[in-house]
């Protein structure tokens, strides 16, 4: 088996169509769409079902990639405590996470069917897996377990609330179940980051900067935020349970605002109508 399998060699069948996240986020034609889809997960919004189905498909492909990354972390690194090694206990945690992600894939398939969708109806972007290809195990922890699994906390919490508001007990129960797992996954990343870098503050600083970069990209031009109109909200309570400090949560709010401001600038440079102002 190869170490650090490149994204191009991921196994997919003919149902999957792949797009680059950069083409979506940095296309100025998409700059105003996050705000246009605000309130997208309210029962009185006629576009809510389509938006929820698309987000559910994104969750599904994300769970596949999270499974692949967790499994690869068990394989790609020699067992040990060196800079390019992974402690055996960390590998055990990643094996447990792979088991969780496999269950999430199955749940997501059934939820997609429940919501009237099917595999391949929407495109797959592979940023999650690409963030998990880093040769430094600490950067994998921050890029995947803290940044992207942290995003999963926000998304699952939003979808759970949508299931409650739309009186869909199946959606509510499934999202609530997976949300509990995601808090555990992020907490594992938070704990291992601090354990591995306890005597190396520069390495920890670099890892957190990498996490910030991934978080900014996955703010999708300000689509994720904390104001009432944001389609995906920051789940403060669950972020805190997963090991995020109040300062780190505030930084996520600032990152979202920065991402949205940059989306405005791209729209203006391209001559597109500028989105409404970002929240303070």
Protein backbone atom coordinates (compact mmCIF):
# COMPACT_ATOMS: atom_id res chain seq x y z
CA UNK A 1 0.00 0.00 0.00
CA UNK A 2 1.26 3.48 -0.85
CA UNK A 3 2.10 6.05 1.77
CA UNK A 4 0.44 9.44 1.37
CA UNK A 5 -1.90 8.41 -1.43
CA UNK A 6 -2.46 11.37 -3.80
CA UNK A 7 -5.96 12.71 -4.21
CA UNK A 8 -6.00 11.72 -7.88
CA UNK A 9 -5.86 8.05 -6.90
CA UNK A 10 -8.84 8.01 -4.56
CA UNK A 11 -11.23 5.22 -5.50
CA UNK A 12 -14.53 6.55 -6.88
CA UNK A 13 -17.06 5.08 -9.30
CA UNK A 14 -18.81 6.74 -12.24
CA UNK A 15 -21.44 8.37 -10.02
CA UNK A 16 -18.93 10.88 -8.64
CA UNK A 17 -18.00 14.15 -10.35
CA UNK A 18 -15.10 16.06 -8.83
CA UNK A 19 -14.60 19.84 -8.71
CA UNK A 20 -11.85 21.97 -7.18
CA UNK A 21 -12.84 23.94 -4.13
CA UNK A 22 -10.64 26.81 -5.35
CA UNK A 23 -12.78 27.12 -8.48
CA UNK A 24 -15.87 27.48 -6.31
CA UNK A 25 -14.58 29.78 -3.58
CA UNK A 26 -12.44 32.07 -5.73
CA UNK A 27 -14.81 32.39 -8.68
CA UNK A 28 -16.00 36.02 -8.41
CA UNK A 29 -19.36 35.01 -9.92
CA UNK A 30 -20.02 33.08 -6.70
CA UNK A 31 -19.02 35.92 -4.37
CA UNK A 32 -22.56 37.08 -3.63
CA UNK A 33 -24.15 33.65 -3.39
CA UNK A 34 -23.48 33.02 0.32
CA UNK A 35 -25.61 36.03 1.28
CA UNK A 36 -28.23 35.21 -1.34
CA UNK A 37 -28.73 31.84 0.32
CA UNK A 38 -29.03 33.25 3.82
CA UNK A 39 -32.01 31.94 5.77
CA UNK A 40 -31.63 28.89 3.54
CA UNK A 41 -32.45 26.48 6.35
CA UNK A 42 -35.69 28.01 7.57
CA UNK A 43 -38.91 26.03 7.00
CA UNK A 44 -40.64 29.03 5.39
CA UNK A 45 -37.95 29.34 2.71
CA UNK A 46 -39.08 27.50 -0.45
CA UNK A 47 -35.44 26.89 -1.40
CA UNK A 48 -34.64 25.23 1.94
CA UNK A 49 -35.24 21.60 0.83
CA UNK A 50 -32.87 21.90 -2.16
CA UNK A 51 -30.26 23.66 -0.04
CA UNK A 52 -30.51 20.97 2.63
CA UNK A 53 -30.19 18.18 0.06
CA UNK A 54 -27.09 19.78 -1.43
CA UNK A 55 -25.54 20.23 2.01
CA UNK A 56 -26.41 16.64 2.88
CA UNK A 57 -24.54 15.42 -0.19
CA UNK A 58 -21.55 17.55 0.80
CA UNK A 59 -21.66 15.94 4.24
CA UNK A 60 -21.74 12.50 2.62
CA UNK A 61 -18.63 13.01 0.47
CA UNK A 62 -16.92 14.71 3.41
CA UNK A 63 -17.51 11.64 5.55
CA UNK A 64 -15.95 9.43 2.88
CA UNK A 65 -12.85 11.62 2.85
CA UNK A 66 -12.73 11.80 6.65
CA UNK A 67 -12.78 7.99 6.72
CA UNK A 68 -9.96 7.89 4.18
CA UNK A 69 -7.85 10.43 6.08
CA UNK A 70 -8.27 8.74 9.46
CA UNK A 71 -7.30 5.40 7.96
CA UNK A 72 -4.32 6.91 6.14
CA UNK A 73 -3.04 8.50 9.35
CA UNK A 74 -2.88 5.02 10.89
CA UNK A 75 -0.81 3.84 7.92
CA UNK A 76 1.24 6.77 6.65
CA UNK A 77 3.32 7.51 9.75
CA UNK A 78 5.81 5.26 11.55
CA UNK A 79 4.84 4.60 15.14
CA UNK A 80 6.82 6.76 17.51
CA UNK A 81 7.18 10.23 18.99
CA UNK A 82 9.44 11.89 16.43
CA UNK A 83 8.51 14.87 14.25
CA UNK A 84 7.45 12.63 11.37
CA UNK A 85 6.00 9.86 13.56
CA UNK A 86 2.67 9.25 15.28
CA UNK A 87 2.27 7.86 18.81
CA UNK A 88 0.59 4.46 18.93
CA UNK A 89 -2.21 5.87 21.09
CA UNK A 90 -2.91 8.51 18.42
CA UNK A 91 -3.25 5.74 15.84
CA UNK A 92 -5.74 3.98 18.08
CA UNK A 93 -7.80 7.18 18.23
CA UNK A 94 -7.66 7.51 14.43
CA UNK A 95 -8.77 3.87 14.04
CA UNK A 96 -11.73 4.58 16.31
CA UNK A 97 -12.49 7.68 14.24
CA UNK A 98 -12.36 5.66 11.00
CA UNK A 99 -14.99 3.34 12.47
CA UNK A 100 -17.16 6.37 13.32
CA UNK A 101 -16.74 7.85 9.84
CA UNK A 102 -17.73 4.57 8.18
CA UNK A 103 -20.95 4.66 10.19
CA UNK A 104 -21.47 8.30 9.19
CA UNK A 105 -21.14 7.39 5.51
CA UNK A 106 -23.90 4.79 5.90
CA UNK A 107 -26.12 7.22 7.82
CA UNK A 108 -25.54 9.95 5.22
CA UNK A 109 -26.53 7.65 2.36
CA UNK A 110 -29.79 6.77 4.10
CA UNK A 111 -30.43 10.41 4.98
CA UNK A 112 -29.87 11.46 1.36
CA UNK A 113 -32.43 8.90 0.25
CA UNK A 114 -34.80 10.10 2.99
CA UNK A 115 -34.41 13.68 1.70
CA UNK A 116 -35.05 12.71 -1.93
CA UNK A 117 -31.47 12.82 -3.21
CA UNK A 118 -29.00 10.29 -4.58
CA UNK A 119 -25.25 9.76 -4.75
CA UNK A 120 -23.69 11.90 -7.46
CA UNK A 121 -26.51 14.41 -7.77
CA UNK A 122 -24.04 17.08 -6.66
CA UNK A 123 -20.28 17.39 -7.23
CA UNK A 124 -17.55 16.32 -4.83
CA UNK A 125 -14.71 18.60 -3.80
CA UNK A 126 -11.71 16.98 -2.10
CA UNK A 127 -10.25 19.75 0.08
CA UNK A 128 -10.81 17.69 3.22
CA UNK A 129 -8.68 14.83 1.91
CA UNK A 130 -6.06 17.22 0.55
CA UNK A 131 -5.75 18.88 3.96
CA UNK A 132 -5.21 15.38 5.35
CA UNK A 133 -2.29 14.63 3.01
CA UNK A 134 0.18 16.69 5.02
CA UNK A 135 3.39 14.88 5.89
CA UNK A 136 3.38 16.32 9.43
CA UNK A 137 0.97 14.44 11.73
CA UNK A 138 0.38 17.61 13.78
CA UNK A 139 -0.74 19.52 10.68
CA UNK A 140 -3.12 16.70 9.87
CA UNK A 141 -4.62 17.03 13.34
CA UNK A 142 -5.14 20.78 13.00
CA UNK A 143 -6.19 20.77 9.34
CA UNK A 144 -8.61 17.86 9.62
CA UNK A 145 -9.62 17.21 13.23
CA UNK A 146 -9.78 20.83 14.37
CA UNK A 147 -10.57 22.81 11.22
CA UNK A 148 -12.66 20.51 9.04
CA UNK A 149 -14.19 18.36 11.75
CA UNK A 150 -14.86 21.64 13.54
CA UNK A 151 -16.78 22.78 10.47
CA UNK A 152 -18.71 19.50 10.69
CA UNK A 153 -19.79 20.47 14.21
CA UNK A 154 -21.24 23.72 12.86
CA UNK A 155 -22.90 22.02 9.88
CA UNK A 156 -24.41 19.14 11.86
CA UNK A 157 -25.72 21.52 14.49
CA UNK A 158 -27.34 23.64 11.76
CA UNK A 159 -28.87 20.61 10.06
CA UNK A 160 -30.10 19.24 13.39
CA UNK A 161 -31.85 22.55 14.06
CA UNK A 162 -33.35 22.46 10.57
CA UNK A 163 -34.67 18.96 11.24
CA UNK A 164 -36.26 20.19 14.45
CA UNK A 165 -37.77 23.29 12.82
CA UNK A 166 -39.12 21.31 9.85
CA UNK A 167 -40.50 18.58 12.15
CA UNK A 168 -38.36 15.87 10.59
CA UNK A 169 -37.45 13.53 13.48
CA UNK A 170 -35.29 11.32 11.24
CA UNK A 171 -33.05 14.22 10.18
CA UNK A 172 -32.92 15.57 13.74
CA UNK A 173 -31.98 12.24 15.32
CA UNK A 174 -29.32 11.36 12.74
CA UNK A 175 -27.65 14.76 12.87
CA UNK A 176 -27.73 14.76 16.66
CA UNK A 177 -26.09 11.32 16.70
CA UNK A 178 -23.31 12.33 14.30
CA UNK A 179 -22.80 15.68 16.05
CA UNK A 180 -21.85 13.84 19.25
CA UNK A 181 -19.19 11.90 17.32
CA UNK A 182 -17.80 15.07 15.72
CA UNK A 183 -17.34 16.72 19.11
CA UNK A 184 -15.30 13.67 20.13
CA UNK A 185 -13.20 13.83 16.95
CA UNK A 186 -12.41 17.52 17.38
CA UNK A 187 -11.62 16.99 21.06
CA UNK A 188 -9.15 14.25 20.10
CA UNK A 189 -7.46 16.68 17.70
CA UNK A 190 -7.34 19.43 20.34
CA UNK A 191 -5.89 17.10 22.98
CA UNK A 192 -3.29 15.52 20.69
CA UNK A 193 -2.18 18.90 19.32
CA UNK A 194 -1.39 20.10 22.84
CA UNK A 195 0.22 16.82 23.90
CA UNK A 196 2.53 16.52 20.90
CA UNK A 197 3.59 20.19 20.89
CA UNK A 198 3.74 20.68 24.68
CA UNK A 199 7.52 21.24 24.50
CA UNK A 200 7.60 22.84 21.05
CA UNK A 201 5.63 26.12 21.04
CA UNK A 202 6.87 27.06 17.55
CA UNK A 203 5.51 23.83 16.11
CA UNK A 204 2.17 24.46 17.82
CA UNK A 205 2.08 28.02 16.49
CA UNK A 206 2.74 26.81 12.95
CA UNK A 207 0.04 24.15 13.25
CA UNK A 208 -2.54 26.67 14.44
CA UNK A 209 -1.64 29.00 11.55
CA UNK A 210 -2.25 26.12 9.15
CA UNK A 211 -5.60 25.50 10.82
CA UNK A 212 -6.48 29.17 10.39
CA UNK A 213 -5.74 28.94 6.66
CA UNK A 214 -8.03 25.92 6.29
CA UNK A 215 -10.73 27.56 8.42
CA UNK A 216 -10.66 30.66 6.23
CA UNK A 217 -11.02 28.67 3.02
CA UNK A 218 -13.91 26.72 4.50
CA UNK A 219 -15.74 29.85 5.56
CA UNK A 220 -16.85 29.87 1.88
CA UNK A 221 -16.70 33.62 1.49
CA UNK A 222 -18.52 34.23 4.76
CA UNK A 223 -21.19 31.53 4.34
CA UNK A 224 -20.38 30.28 7.83
CA UNK A 225 -20.79 32.93 10.50
CA UNK A 226 -22.48 33.79 13.76
CA UNK A 227 -25.17 36.32 12.89
CA UNK A 228 -28.82 35.28 12.74
CA UNK A 229 -28.97 35.19 8.94
CA UNK A 230 -25.94 32.95 8.34
CA UNK A 231 -26.95 29.59 6.83
CA UNK A 232 -24.35 27.79 8.96
CA UNK A 233 -23.79 29.08 12.48
CA UNK A 234 -20.80 28.64 14.74
CA UNK A 235 -21.84 26.15 17.41
CA UNK A 236 -20.16 27.84 20.36
CA UNK A 237 -21.25 25.35 23.03
CA UNK A 238 -20.10 22.31 21.09
CA UNK A 239 -16.88 24.02 20.01
CA UNK A 240 -16.09 24.64 23.68
CA UNK A 241 -16.80 20.98 24.51
CA UNK A 242 -14.39 20.02 21.72
CA UNK A 243 -11.52 21.96 23.26
CA UNK A 244 -11.79 25.40 21.64
CA UNK A 245 -11.01 28.35 23.89
CA UNK A 246 -13.18 31.52 23.86
CA UNK A 247 -10.33 33.29 22.07
CA UNK A 248 -10.22 30.60 19.35
CA UNK A 249 -13.99 30.83 18.84
CA UNK A 250 -13.76 34.62 18.50
CA UNK A 251 -10.99 34.15 15.96
CA UNK A 252 -13.29 31.94 13.88
CA UNK A 253 -15.83 34.78 13.79
CA UNK A 254 -13.11 37.15 12.59
CA UNK A 255 -11.95 34.65 9.96
CA UNK A 256 -15.47 34.42 8.55
CA UNK A 257 -15.70 38.21 8.32
CA UNK A 258 -12.31 38.35 6.57
CA UNK A 259 -13.39 35.69 4.08
CA UNK A 260 -16.56 37.61 3.30
CA UNK A 261 -14.71 40.91 2.86
CA UNK A 262 -12.37 39.23 0.37
CA UNK A 263 -15.38 37.80 -1.49
CA UNK A 264 -16.77 41.33 -1.76
CA UNK A 265 -13.47 42.56 -3.20
CA UNK A 266 -13.41 39.77 -5.80
CA UNK A 267 -16.99 40.57 -6.81
CA UNK A 268 -16.17 44.28 -7.16
CA UNK A 269 -13.04 43.57 -9.22
CA UNK A 270 -15.05 41.33 -11.55
CA UNK A 271 -17.83 43.88 -11.92
CA UNK A 272 -20.34 41.64 -10.15
CA UNK A 273 -23.00 43.12 -7.82
CA UNK A 274 -21.44 43.39 -4.37
CA UNK A 275 -23.01 41.33 -1.58
CA UNK A 276 -24.58 43.11 1.35
CA UNK A 277 -22.13 44.20 4.08
CA UNK A 278 -20.66 41.53 6.31
CA UNK A 279 -21.82 41.49 9.90
CA UNK A 280 -19.70 43.32 12.44
